[in-house]
Amino acid sequence: MPKFKLAIADTIGVLVKGAYMDENAAEKEFSFTLFCVRLANEELRQLSEKYPTAFEFLRAHARGWKDQTLVVDEANQPAPFSPDALEVLLNMGGMASLCYSAYRAQVTVTAKN
């Protein structure tokens, strides 16, 4: 049993920001937080072997979201997180790659001045 542990949560809130073109050829910006499992260095090194696609990684490690408005229910209200709602989101062209890139950029520590 390890004697020590990190004093931070084992989940990370990943800020996902992007834009899409609507039906009138107008660019629409969006942003939301995707909650994912925080992986350690060794796990990060093995990602491409274990999860060949961003879609597969996110299906296995995404745990929730906040302020997501792209996936809606029958009443046009933002859908609560679920495996089915996540699949709809990730099937939007480029979304899985965007979420995965944001995760990889934000899961590691960064230098601050």
PDB file of N, CA and C in Angstrom:
ATOM      1  N   MET A   1       0.843  -1.182   0.000  1.00  0.00           N
ATOM      2  CA  MET A   1       0.000   0.000   0.000  1.00  0.00           C
ATOM      3  C   MET A   1       0.887   1.245   0.000  1.00  0.00           C
ATOM      4  N   PRO A   2       0.703   2.132  -0.959  1.00  0.00           N
ATOM      5  CA  PRO A   2       1.528   3.341  -1.007  1.00  0.00           C
ATOM      6  C   PRO A   2       1.351   4.185   0.251  1.00  0.00           C
ATOM      7  N   LYS A   3       2.443   4.774   0.676  1.00  0.00           N
ATOM      8  CA  LYS A   3       2.434   5.606   1.866  1.00  0.00           C
ATOM      9  C   LYS A   3       1.968   7.027   1.560  1.00  0.00           C
ATOM     10  N   PHE A   4       2.119   7.430   0.293  1.00  0.00           N
ATOM     11  CA  PHE A   4       1.783   8.794  -0.106  1.00  0.00           C
ATOM     12  C   PHE A   4       0.852   8.788  -1.309  1.00  0.00           C
ATOM     13  N   LYS A   5       0.170   9.909  -1.487  1.00  0.00           N
ATOM     14  CA  LYS A   5      -0.695  10.083  -2.659  1.00  0.00           C
ATOM     15  C   LYS A   5      -0.700  11.566  -3.024  1.00  0.00           C
ATOM     16  N   LEU A   6      -1.130  11.864  -4.228  1.00  0.00           N
ATOM     17  CA  LEU A   6      -1.252  13.257  -4.648  1.00  0.00           C
ATOM     18  C   LEU A   6      -2.415  13.917  -3.918  1.00  0.00           C
ATOM     19  N   ALA A   7      -2.245  15.193  -3.644  1.00  0.00           N
ATOM     20  CA  ALA A   7      -3.277  15.945  -2.933  1.00  0.00           C
ATOM     21  C   ALA A   7      -4.250  16.614  -3.904  1.00  0.00           C
ATOM     22  N   ILE A   8      -4.351  16.077  -5.109  1.00  0.00           N
ATOM     23  CA  ILE A   8      -5.297  16.597  -6.096  1.00  0.00           C
ATOM     24  C   ILE A   8      -6.242  15.478  -6.494  1.00  0.00           C
ATOM     25  N   ALA A   9      -7.371  15.865  -7.040  1.00  0.00           N
ATOM     26  CA  ALA A   9      -8.404  14.881  -7.408  1.00  0.00           C
ATOM     27  C   ALA A   9      -7.922  13.946  -8.503  1.00  0.00           C
ATOM     28  N   ASP A  10      -8.515  12.765  -8.552  1.00  0.00           N
ATOM     29  CA  ASP A  10      -8.169  11.818  -9.607  1.00  0.00           C
ATOM     30  C   ASP A  10      -8.996  12.051 -10.874  1.00  0.00           C
ATOM     31  N   THR A  11      -9.739  13.144 -10.884  1.00  0.00           N
ATOM     32  CA  THR A  11     -10.415  13.589 -12.099  1.00  0.00           C
ATOM     33  C   THR A  11      -9.921  14.982 -12.454  1.00  0.00           C
ATOM     34  N   ILE A  12     -10.037  15.317 -13.725  1.00  0.00           N
ATOM     35  CA  ILE A  12      -9.633  16.629 -14.212  1.00  0.00           C
ATOM     36  C   ILE A  12     -10.792  17.229 -14.990  1.00  0.00           C
ATOM     37  N   GLY A  13     -11.024  18.512 -14.772  1.00  0.00           N
ATOM     38  CA  GLY A  13     -11.998  19.238 -15.566  1.00  0.00           C
ATOM     39  C   GLY A  13     -11.276  19.810 -16.776  1.00  0.00           C
ATOM     40  N   VAL A  14     -11.598  19.319 -17.953  1.00  0.00           N
ATOM     41  CA  VAL A  14     -10.932  19.738 -19.188  1.00  0.00           C
ATOM     42  C   VAL A  14     -11.795  20.791 -19.875  1.00  0.00           C
ATOM     43  N   LEU A  15     -11.233  21.978 -20.046  1.00  0.00           N
ATOM     44  CA  LEU A  15     -11.950  23.038 -20.760  1.00  0.00           C
ATOM     45  C   LEU A  15     -11.824  22.787 -22.253  1.00  0.00           C
ATOM     46  N   VAL A  16     -12.961  22.567 -22.896  1.00  0.00           N
ATOM     47  CA  VAL A  16     -13.008  22.314 -24.338  1.00  0.00           C
ATOM     48  C   VAL A  16     -13.633  23.535 -25.001  1.00  0.00           C
ATOM     49  N   LYS A  17     -12.878  24.159 -25.903  1.00  0.00           N
ATOM     50  CA  LYS A  17     -13.357  25.352 -26.607  1.00  0.00           C
ATOM     51  C   LYS A  17     -13.201  25.137 -28.097  1.00  0.00           C
ATOM     52  N   GLY A  18     -14.199  25.567 -28.848  1.00  0.00           N
ATOM     53  CA  GLY A  18     -14.120  25.416 -30.292  1.00  0.00           C
ATOM     54  C   GLY A  18     -15.214  26.213 -30.975  1.00  0.00           C
ATOM     55  N   ALA A  19     -15.391  25.915 -32.247  1.00  0.00           N
ATOM     56  CA  ALA A  19     -16.413  26.584 -33.054  1.00  0.00           C
ATOM     57  C   ALA A  19     -16.876  25.623 -34.143  1.00  0.00           C
ATOM     58  N   TYR A  20     -18.078  25.845 -34.608  1.00  0.00           N
ATOM     59  CA  TYR A  20     -18.626  25.083 -35.732  1.00  0.00           C
ATOM     60  C   TYR A  20     -19.380  26.051 -36.626  1.00  0.00           C
ATOM     61  N   MET A  21     -19.636  25.629 -37.848  1.00  0.00           N
ATOM     62  CA  MET A  21     -20.413  26.443 -38.785  1.00  0.00           C
ATOM     63  C   MET A  21     -21.871  26.010 -38.695  1.00  0.00           C
ATOM     64  N   ASP A  22     -22.771  26.992 -38.564  1.00  0.00           N
ATOM     65  CA  ASP A  22     -24.189  26.642 -38.494  1.00  0.00           C
ATOM     66  C   ASP A  22     -24.791  26.577 -39.897  1.00  0.00           C
ATOM     67  N   GLU A  23     -26.096  26.396 -39.961  1.00  0.00           N
ATOM     68  CA  GLU A  23     -26.777  26.233 -41.244  1.00  0.00           C
ATOM     69  C   GLU A  23     -26.759  27.499 -42.101  1.00  0.00           C
ATOM     70  N   ASN A  24     -26.429  28.640 -41.516  1.00  0.00           N
ATOM     71  CA  ASN A  24     -26.346  29.908 -42.255  1.00  0.00           C
ATOM     72  C   ASN A  24     -24.901  30.308 -42.551  1.00  0.00           C
ATOM     73  N   ALA A  25     -23.986  29.359 -42.421  1.00  0.00           N
ATOM     74  CA  ALA A  25     -22.550  29.585 -42.649  1.00  0.00           C
ATOM     75  C   ALA A  25     -21.970  30.606 -41.668  1.00  0.00           C
ATOM     76  N   ALA A  26     -22.569  30.658 -40.486  1.00  0.00           N
ATOM     77  CA  ALA A  26     -22.067  31.541 -39.430  1.00  0.00           C
ATOM     78  C   ALA A  26     -21.298  30.694 -38.421  1.00  0.00           C
ATOM     79  N   GLU A  27     -20.151  31.212 -38.006  1.00  0.00           N
ATOM     80  CA  GLU A  27     -19.350  30.494 -37.027  1.00  0.00           C
ATOM     81  C   GLU A  27     -19.957  30.667 -35.637  1.00  0.00           C
ATOM     82  N   LYS A  28     -20.163  29.557 -34.958  1.00  0.00           N
ATOM     83  CA  LYS A  28     -20.722  29.548 -33.604  1.00  0.00           C
ATOM     84  C   LYS A  28     -19.685  28.974 -32.651  1.00  0.00           C
ATOM     85  N   GLU A  29     -19.313  29.746 -31.650  1.00  0.00           N
ATOM     86  CA  GLU A  29     -18.341  29.278 -30.665  1.00  0.00           C
ATOM     87  C   GLU A  29     -19.045  28.497 -29.556  1.00  0.00           C
ATOM     88  N   PHE A  30     -18.316  27.578 -28.941  1.00  0.00           N
ATOM     89  CA  PHE A  30     -18.831  26.828 -27.801  1.00  0.00           C
ATOM     90  C   PHE A  30     -17.683  26.570 -26.833  1.00  0.00           C
ATOM     91  N   SER A  31     -18.049  26.316 -25.612  1.00  0.00           N
ATOM     92  CA  SER A  31     -17.082  25.856 -24.614  1.00  0.00           C
ATOM     93  C   SER A  31     -17.851  25.101 -23.541  1.00  0.00           C
ATOM     94  N   PHE A  32     -17.211  24.094 -22.991  1.00  0.00           N
ATOM     95  CA  PHE A  32     -17.788  23.313 -21.904  1.00  0.00           C
ATOM     96  C   PHE A  32     -16.645  22.633 -21.168  1.00  0.00           C
ATOM     97  N   THR A  33     -16.958  22.104 -20.012  1.00  0.00           N
ATOM     98  CA  THR A  33     -15.978  21.357 -19.232  1.00  0.00           C
ATOM     99  C   THR A  33     -16.327  19.879 -19.307  1.00  0.00           C
ATOM    100  N   LEU A  34     -15.333  19.084 -19.666  1.00  0.00           N
ATOM    101  CA  LEU A  34     -15.489  17.636 -19.731  1.00  0.00           C
ATOM    102  C   LEU A  34     -14.679  17.045 -18.586  1.00  0.00           C
ATOM    103  N   PHE A  35     -15.323  16.309 -17.701  1.00  0.00           N
ATOM    104  CA  PHE A  35     -14.646  15.701 -16.559  1.00  0.00           C
ATOM    105  C   PHE A  35     -14.138  14.313 -16.946  1.00  0.00           C
ATOM    106  N   CYS A  36     -12.832  14.112 -16.775  1.00  0.00           N
ATOM    107  CA  CYS A  36     -12.186  12.859 -17.169  1.00  0.00           C
ATOM    108  C   CYS A  36     -11.296  12.341 -16.052  1.00  0.00           C
ATOM    109  N   VAL A  37     -10.972  11.069 -16.115  1.00  0.00           N
ATOM    110  CA  VAL A  37     -10.027  10.452 -15.189  1.00  0.00           C
ATOM    111  C   VAL A  37      -8.641  11.066 -15.432  1.00  0.00           C
ATOM    112  N   ARG A  38      -7.964  11.421 -14.350  1.00  0.00           N
ATOM    113  CA  ARG A  38      -6.597  11.943 -14.445  1.00  0.00           C
ATOM    114  C   ARG A  38      -5.637  10.745 -14.486  1.00  0.00           C
ATOM    115  N   LEU A  39      -4.876  10.641 -15.551  1.00  0.00           N
ATOM    116  CA  LEU A  39      -3.933   9.540 -15.699  1.00  0.00           C
ATOM    117  C   LEU A  39      -2.537   9.953 -15.268  1.00  0.00           C
ATOM    118  N   ALA A  40      -1.773   8.990 -14.773  1.00  0.00           N
ATOM    119  CA  ALA A  40      -0.381   9.209 -14.373  1.00  0.00           C
ATOM    120  C   ALA A  40       0.523   9.077 -15.604  1.00  0.00           C
ATOM    121  N   ASN A  41       1.789   9.453 -15.443  1.00  0.00           N
ATOM    122  CA  ASN A  41       2.749   9.443 -16.553  1.00  0.00           C
ATOM    123  C   ASN A  41       2.791   8.122 -17.303  1.00  0.00           C
ATOM    124  N   GLU A  42       2.929   7.027 -16.586  1.00  0.00           N
ATOM    125  CA  GLU A  42       3.047   5.725 -17.259  1.00  0.00           C
ATOM    126  C   GLU A  42       1.800   5.422 -18.085  1.00  0.00           C
ATOM    127  N   GLU A  43       0.643   5.735 -17.544  1.00  0.00           N
ATOM    128  CA  GLU A  43      -0.608   5.513 -18.279  1.00  0.00           C
ATOM    129  C   GLU A  43      -0.672   6.406 -19.513  1.00  0.00           C
ATOM    130  N   LEU A  44      -0.212   7.641 -19.391  1.00  0.00           N
ATOM    131  CA  LEU A  44      -0.205   8.554 -20.537  1.00  0.00           C
ATOM    132  C   LEU A  44       0.711   8.038 -21.647  1.00  0.00           C
ATOM    133  N   ARG A  45       1.834   7.463 -21.278  1.00  0.00           N
ATOM    134  CA  ARG A  45       2.772   6.932 -22.277  1.00  0.00           C
ATOM    135  C   ARG A  45       2.166   5.760 -23.051  1.00  0.00           C
ATOM    136  N   GLN A  46       1.279   5.032 -22.442  1.00  0.00           N
ATOM    137  CA  GLN A  46       0.709   3.835 -23.071  1.00  0.00           C
ATOM    138  C   GLN A  46      -0.637   4.080 -23.759  1.00  0.00           C
ATOM    139  N   LEU A  47      -1.062   5.324 -23.824  1.00  0.00           N
ATOM    140  CA  LEU A  47      -2.392   5.614 -24.364  1.00  0.00           C
ATOM    141  C   LEU A  47      -2.608   5.082 -25.770  1.00  0.00           C
ATOM    142  N   SER A  48      -1.675   5.357 -26.676  1.00  0.00           N
ATOM    143  CA  SER A  48      -1.901   4.969 -28.067  1.00  0.00           C
ATOM    144  C   SER A  48      -1.950   3.454 -28.248  1.00  0.00           C
ATOM    145  N   GLU A  49      -1.286   2.717 -27.363  1.00  0.00           N
ATOM    146  CA  GLU A  49      -1.348   1.255 -27.440  1.00  0.00           C
ATOM    147  C   GLU A  49      -2.700   0.733 -26.954  1.00  0.00           C
ATOM    148  N   LYS A  50      -3.175   1.318 -25.871  1.00  0.00           N
ATOM    149  CA  LYS A  50      -4.409   0.835 -25.249  1.00  0.00           C
ATOM    150  C   LYS A  50      -5.662   1.393 -25.924  1.00  0.00           C
ATOM    151  N   TYR A  51      -5.578   2.643 -26.384  1.00  0.00           N
ATOM    152  CA  TYR A  51      -6.728   3.308 -27.008  1.00  0.00           C
ATOM    153  C   TYR A  51      -6.281   3.896 -28.340  1.00  0.00           C
ATOM    154  N   PRO A  52      -6.472   3.175 -29.440  1.00  0.00           N
ATOM    155  CA  PRO A  52      -5.972   3.642 -30.732  1.00  0.00           C
ATOM    156  C   PRO A  52      -6.655   4.909 -31.258  1.00  0.00           C
ATOM    157  N   THR A  53      -7.832   5.242 -30.740  1.00  0.00           N
ATOM    158  CA  THR A  53      -8.512   6.454 -31.211  1.00  0.00           C
ATOM    159  C   THR A  53      -8.917   7.337 -30.036  1.00  0.00           C
ATOM    160  N   ALA A  54      -9.056   8.622 -30.317  1.00  0.00           N
ATOM    161  CA  ALA A  54      -9.521   9.575 -29.307  1.00  0.00           C
ATOM    162  C   ALA A  54     -10.911   9.176 -28.814  1.00  0.00           C
ATOM    163  N   PHE A  55     -11.739   8.725 -29.727  1.00  0.00           N
ATOM    164  CA  PHE A  55     -13.102   8.315 -29.393  1.00  0.00           C
ATOM    165  C   PHE A  55     -13.089   7.210 -28.337  1.00  0.00           C
ATOM    166  N   GLU A  56     -12.252   6.188 -28.537  1.00  0.00           N
ATOM    167  CA  GLU A  56     -12.181   5.083 -27.581  1.00  0.00           C
ATOM    168  C   GLU A  56     -11.662   5.549 -26.220  1.00  0.00           C
ATOM    169  N   PHE A  57     -10.643   6.410 -26.225  1.00  0.00           N
ATOM    170  CA  PHE A  57     -10.110   6.931 -24.974  1.00  0.00           C
ATOM    171  C   PHE A  57     -11.186   7.681 -24.203  1.00  0.00           C
ATOM    172  N   LEU A  58     -11.897   8.556 -24.864  1.00  0.00           N
ATOM    173  CA  LEU A  58     -12.897   9.379 -24.185  1.00  0.00           C
ATOM    174  C   LEU A  58     -14.079   8.546 -23.696  1.00  0.00           C
ATOM    175  N   ARG A  59     -14.485   7.556 -24.456  1.00  0.00           N
ATOM    176  CA  ARG A  59     -15.563   6.677 -23.984  1.00  0.00           C
ATOM    177  C   ARG A  59     -15.162   5.968 -22.699  1.00  0.00           C
ATOM    178  N   ALA A  60     -13.881   5.648 -22.557  1.00  0.00           N
ATOM    179  CA  ALA A  60     -13.408   4.929 -21.373  1.00  0.00           C
ATOM    180  C   ALA A  60     -13.133   5.850 -20.187  1.00  0.00           C
ATOM    181  N   HIS A  61     -12.805   7.132 -20.427  1.00  0.00           N
ATOM    182  CA  HIS A  61     -12.326   7.989 -19.348  1.00  0.00           C
ATOM    183  C   HIS A  61     -13.176   9.226 -19.033  1.00  0.00           C
ATOM    184  N   ALA A  62     -14.112   9.584 -19.885  1.00  0.00           N
ATOM    185  CA  ALA A  62     -14.981  10.733 -19.596  1.00  0.00           C
ATOM    186  C   ALA A  62     -16.002  10.326 -18.536  1.00  0.00           C
ATOM    187  N   ARG A  63     -16.220  11.224 -17.574  1.00  0.00           N
ATOM    188  CA  ARG A  63     -17.112  10.909 -16.449  1.00  0.00           C
ATOM    189  C   ARG A  63     -18.271  11.890 -16.270  1.00  0.00           C
ATOM    190  N   GLY A  64     -18.235  13.011 -16.975  1.00  0.00           N
ATOM    191  CA  GLY A  64     -19.304  13.998 -16.827  1.00  0.00           C
ATOM    192  C   GLY A  64     -18.986  15.246 -17.609  1.00  0.00           C
ATOM    193  N   TRP A  65     -19.918  16.213 -17.580  1.00  0.00           N
ATOM    194  CA  TRP A  65     -19.665  17.504 -18.214  1.00  0.00           C
ATOM    195  C   TRP A  65     -20.451  18.597 -17.533  1.00  0.00           C
ATOM    196  N   LYS A  66     -20.031  19.826 -17.804  1.00  0.00           N
ATOM    197  CA  LYS A  66     -20.702  21.015 -17.260  1.00  0.00           C
ATOM    198  C   LYS A  66     -20.773  22.047 -18.374  1.00  0.00           C
ATOM    199  N   ASP A  67     -21.886  22.742 -18.465  1.00  0.00           N
ATOM    200  CA  ASP A  67     -22.100  23.817 -19.446  1.00  0.00           C
ATOM    201  C   ASP A  67     -22.079  23.327 -20.889  1.00  0.00           C
ATOM    202  N   GLN A  68     -22.393  22.065 -21.104  1.00  0.00           N
ATOM    203  CA  GLN A  68     -22.459  21.487 -22.442  1.00  0.00           C
ATOM    204  C   GLN A  68     -23.821  21.824 -23.022  1.00  0.00           C
ATOM    205  N   THR A  69     -23.859  22.409 -24.237  1.00  0.00           N
ATOM    206  CA  THR A  69     -25.127  22.794 -24.869  1.00  0.00           C
ATOM    207  C   THR A  69     -25.288  22.223 -26.278  1.00  0.00           C
ATOM    208  N   LEU A  70     -24.344  21.429 -26.733  1.00  0.00           N
ATOM    209  CA  LEU A  70     -24.391  20.918 -28.106  1.00  0.00           C
ATOM    210  C   LEU A  70     -25.293  19.698 -28.252  1.00  0.00           C
ATOM    211  N   VAL A  71     -25.426  18.904 -27.215  1.00  0.00           N
ATOM    212  CA  VAL A  71     -26.298  17.727 -27.233  1.00  0.00           C
ATOM    213  C   VAL A  71     -27.520  18.064 -26.393  1.00  0.00           C
ATOM    214  N   VAL A  72     -28.684  17.937 -27.010  1.00  0.00           N
ATOM    215  CA  VAL A  72     -29.931  18.292 -26.314  1.00  0.00           C
ATOM    216  C   VAL A  72     -30.878  17.105 -26.283  1.00  0.00           C
ATOM    217  N   ASP A  73     -31.857  17.187 -25.368  1.00  0.00           N
ATOM    218  CA  ASP A  73     -32.872  16.147 -25.263  1.00  0.00           C
ATOM    219  C   ASP A  73     -34.074  16.502 -26.147  1.00  0.00           C
ATOM    220  N   GLU A  74     -35.154  15.749 -26.010  1.00  0.00           N
ATOM    221  CA  GLU A  74     -36.349  15.970 -26.829  1.00  0.00           C
ATOM    222  C   GLU A  74     -36.961  17.353 -26.624  1.00  0.00           C
ATOM    223  N   ALA A  75     -36.745  17.953 -25.455  1.00  0.00           N
ATOM    224  CA  ALA A  75     -37.286  19.281 -25.161  1.00  0.00           C
ATOM    225  C   ALA A  75     -36.277  20.389 -25.494  1.00  0.00           C
ATOM    226  N   ASN A  76     -35.228  20.036 -26.234  1.00  0.00           N
ATOM    227  CA  ASN A  76     -34.158  20.976 -26.608  1.00  0.00           C
ATOM    228  C   ASN A  76     -33.418  21.562 -25.412  1.00  0.00           C
ATOM    229  N   GLN A  77     -33.370  20.810 -24.336  1.00  0.00           N
ATOM    230  CA  GLN A  77     -32.598  21.205 -23.156  1.00  0.00           C
ATOM    231  C   GLN A  77     -31.259  20.460 -23.192  1.00  0.00           C
ATOM    232  N   PRO A  78     -30.188  21.083 -22.673  1.00  0.00           N
ATOM    233  CA  PRO A  78     -28.892  20.387 -22.662  1.00  0.00           C
ATOM    234  C   PRO A  78     -29.028  19.015 -21.996  1.00  0.00           C
ATOM    235  N   ALA A  79     -28.512  18.020 -22.680  1.00  0.00           N
ATOM    236  CA  ALA A  79     -28.621  16.652 -22.190  1.00  0.00           C
ATOM    237  C   ALA A  79     -27.685  16.429 -21.015  1.00  0.00           C
ATOM    238  N   PRO A  80     -28.140  15.701 -20.004  1.00  0.00           N
ATOM    239  CA  PRO A  80     -27.233  15.323 -18.929  1.00  0.00           C
ATOM    240  C   PRO A  80     -26.211  14.327 -19.479  1.00  0.00           C
ATOM    241  N   PHE A  81     -25.068  14.230 -18.811  1.00  0.00           N
ATOM    242  CA  PHE A  81     -24.042  13.303 -19.258  1.00  0.00           C
ATOM    243  C   PHE A  81     -24.537  11.873 -19.138  1.00  0.00           C
ATOM    244  N   SER A  82     -24.280  11.100 -20.163  1.00  0.00           N
ATOM    245  CA  SER A  82     -24.546   9.663 -20.181  1.00  0.00           C
ATOM    246  C   SER A  82     -23.686   9.088 -21.302  1.00  0.00           C
ATOM    247  N   PRO A  83     -23.456   7.787 -21.309  1.00  0.00           N
ATOM    248  CA  PRO A  83     -22.693   7.196 -22.413  1.00  0.00           C
ATOM    249  C   PRO A  83     -23.316   7.499 -23.779  1.00  0.00           C
ATOM    250  N   ASP A  84     -24.637   7.464 -23.856  1.00  0.00           N
ATOM    251  CA  ASP A  84     -25.308   7.738 -25.138  1.00  0.00           C
ATOM    252  C   ASP A  84     -25.136   9.196 -25.556  1.00  0.00           C
ATOM    253  N   ALA A  85     -25.284  10.126 -24.611  1.00  0.00           N
ATOM    254  CA  ALA A  85     -25.120  11.549 -24.935  1.00  0.00           C
ATOM    255  C   ALA A  85     -23.667  11.839 -25.317  1.00  0.00           C
ATOM    256  N   LEU A  86     -22.718  11.205 -24.623  1.00  0.00           N
ATOM    257  CA  LEU A  86     -21.310  11.377 -24.965  1.00  0.00           C
ATOM    258  C   LEU A  86     -21.044  10.898 -26.391  1.00  0.00           C
ATOM    259  N   GLU A  87     -21.621   9.786 -26.754  1.00  0.00           N
ATOM    260  CA  GLU A  87     -21.430   9.258 -28.105  1.00  0.00           C
ATOM    261  C   GLU A  87     -21.943  10.236 -29.158  1.00  0.00           C
ATOM    262  N   VAL A  88     -23.088  10.857 -28.898  1.00  0.00           N
ATOM    263  CA  VAL A  88     -23.622  11.858 -29.831  1.00  0.00           C
ATOM    264  C   VAL A  88     -22.635  13.025 -29.957  1.00  0.00           C
ATOM    265  N   LEU A  89     -22.131  13.507 -28.835  1.00  0.00           N
ATOM    266  CA  LEU A  89     -21.175  14.616 -28.858  1.00  0.00           C
ATOM    267  C   LEU A  89     -19.918  14.243 -29.642  1.00  0.00           C
ATOM    268  N   LEU A  90     -19.359  13.075 -29.343  1.00  0.00           N
ATOM    269  CA  LEU A  90     -18.097  12.677 -29.976  1.00  0.00           C
ATOM    270  C   LEU A  90     -18.241  12.352 -31.455  1.00  0.00           C
ATOM    271  N   ASN A  91     -19.459  12.106 -31.913  1.00  0.00           N
ATOM    272  CA  ASN A  91     -19.682  11.857 -33.336  1.00  0.00           C
ATOM    273  C   ASN A  91     -19.762  13.137 -34.154  1.00  0.00           C
ATOM    274  N   MET A  92     -19.785  14.294 -33.504  1.00  0.00           N
ATOM    275  CA  MET A  92     -19.724  15.569 -34.223  1.00  0.00           C
ATOM    276  C   MET A  92     -18.327  15.665 -34.838  1.00  0.00           C
ATOM    277  N   GLY A  93     -18.242  15.961 -36.109  1.00  0.00           N
ATOM    278  CA  GLY A  93     -16.969  15.981 -36.823  1.00  0.00           C
ATOM    279  C   GLY A  93     -15.880  16.755 -36.092  1.00  0.00           C
ATOM    280  N   GLY A  94     -14.799  16.090 -35.742  1.00  0.00           N
ATOM    281  CA  GLY A  94     -13.661  16.727 -35.084  1.00  0.00           C
ATOM    282  C   GLY A  94     -13.743  16.841 -33.577  1.00  0.00           C
ATOM    283  N   MET A  95     -14.904  16.532 -32.994  1.00  0.00           N
ATOM    284  CA  MET A  95     -15.081  16.746 -31.552  1.00  0.00           C
ATOM    285  C   MET A  95     -14.220  15.813 -30.713  1.00  0.00           C
ATOM    286  N   ALA A  96     -14.137  14.551 -31.075  1.00  0.00           N
ATOM    287  CA  ALA A  96     -13.326  13.613 -30.285  1.00  0.00           C
ATOM    288  C   ALA A  96     -11.871  14.071 -30.273  1.00  0.00           C
ATOM    289  N   SER A  97     -11.353  14.481 -31.419  1.00  0.00           N
ATOM    290  CA  SER A  97      -9.966  14.962 -31.494  1.00  0.00           C
ATOM    291  C   SER A  97      -9.771  16.227 -30.678  1.00  0.00           C
ATOM    292  N   LEU A  98     -10.734  17.135 -30.738  1.00  0.00           N
ATOM    293  CA  LEU A  98     -10.643  18.382 -29.969  1.00  0.00           C
ATOM    294  C   LEU A  98     -10.625  18.089 -28.468  1.00  0.00           C
ATOM    295  N   CYS A  99     -11.517  17.232 -28.005  1.00  0.00           N
ATOM    296  CA  CYS A  99     -11.577  16.888 -26.584  1.00  0.00           C
ATOM    297  C   CYS A  99     -10.301  16.181 -26.139  1.00  0.00           C
ATOM    298  N   TYR A 100      -9.809  15.270 -26.953  1.00  0.00           N
ATOM    299  CA  TYR A 100      -8.599  14.525 -26.616  1.00  0.00           C
ATOM    300  C   TYR A 100      -7.384  15.459 -26.569  1.00  0.00           C
ATOM    301  N   SER A 101      -7.264  16.342 -27.538  1.00  0.00           N
ATOM    302  CA  SER A 101      -6.157  17.311 -27.547  1.00  0.00           C
ATOM    303  C   SER A 101      -6.204  18.214 -26.320  1.00  0.00           C
ATOM    304  N   ALA A 102      -7.411  18.647 -25.950  1.00  0.00           N
ATOM    305  CA  ALA A 102      -7.563  19.490 -24.761  1.00  0.00           C
ATOM    306  C   ALA A 102      -7.159  18.708 -23.510  1.00  0.00           C
ATOM    307  N   TYR A 103      -7.564  17.450 -23.438  1.00  0.00           N
ATOM    308  CA  TYR A 103      -7.184  16.605 -22.301  1.00  0.00           C
ATOM    309  C   TYR A 103      -5.669  16.486 -22.208  1.00  0.00           C
ATOM    310  N   ARG A 104      -5.027  16.126 -23.308  1.00  0.00           N
ATOM    311  CA  ARG A 104      -3.567  15.928 -23.301  1.00  0.00           C
ATOM    312  C   ARG A 104      -2.843  17.216 -22.916  1.00  0.00           C
ATOM    313  N   ALA A 105      -3.348  18.356 -23.348  1.00  0.00           N
ATOM    314  CA  ALA A 105      -2.710  19.636 -23.033  1.00  0.00           C
ATOM    315  C   ALA A 105      -2.912  20.037 -21.575  1.00  0.00           C
ATOM    316  N   GLN A 106      -4.039  19.612 -20.981  1.00  0.00           N
ATOM    317  CA  GLN A 106      -4.380  20.086 -19.650  1.00  0.00           C
ATOM    318  C   GLN A 106      -4.105  19.089 -18.528  1.00  0.00           C
ATOM    319  N   VAL A 107      -3.865  17.820 -18.851  1.00  0.00           N
ATOM    320  CA  VAL A 107      -3.659  16.820 -17.809  1.00  0.00           C
ATOM    321  C   VAL A 107      -2.253  16.907 -17.208  1.00  0.00           C
ATOM    322  N   THR A 108      -1.325  17.475 -17.939  1.00  0.00           N
ATOM    323  CA  THR A 108       0.047  17.592 -17.433  1.00  0.00           C
ATOM    324  C   THR A 108       0.257  18.939 -16.753  1.00  0.00           C
ATOM    325  N   VAL A 109       1.197  18.981 -15.840  1.00  0.00           N
ATOM    326  CA  VAL A 109       1.495  20.246 -15.169  1.00  0.00           C
ATOM    327  C   VAL A 109       2.207  21.181 -16.137  1.00  0.00           C
ATOM    328  N   THR A 110       2.102  22.482 -15.872  1.00  0.00           N
ATOM    329  CA  THR A 110       2.747  23.489 -16.716  1.00  0.00           C
ATOM    330  C   THR A 110       3.539  24.452 -15.858  1.00  0.00           C
ATOM    331  N   ALA A 111       4.524  25.066 -16.460  1.00  0.00           N
ATOM    332  CA  ALA A 111       5.317  26.076 -15.760  1.00  0.00           C
ATOM    333  C   ALA A 111       4.531  27.390 -15.711  1.00  0.00           C
ATOM    334  N   LYS A 112       4.680  28.096 -14.645  1.00  0.00           N
ATOM    335  CA  LYS A 112       4.060  29.422 -14.485  1.00  0.00           C
ATOM    336  C   LYS A 112       5.134  30.412 -14.082  1.00  0.00           C
ATOM    337  N   ASN A 113       5.046  31.593 -14.610  1.00  0.00           N
ATOM    338  CA  ASN A 113       5.989  32.664 -14.230  1.00  0.00           C
ATOM    339  C   ASN A 113       5.514  33.426 -13.032  1.00  0.00           C
TER     340      ASN A 113
END
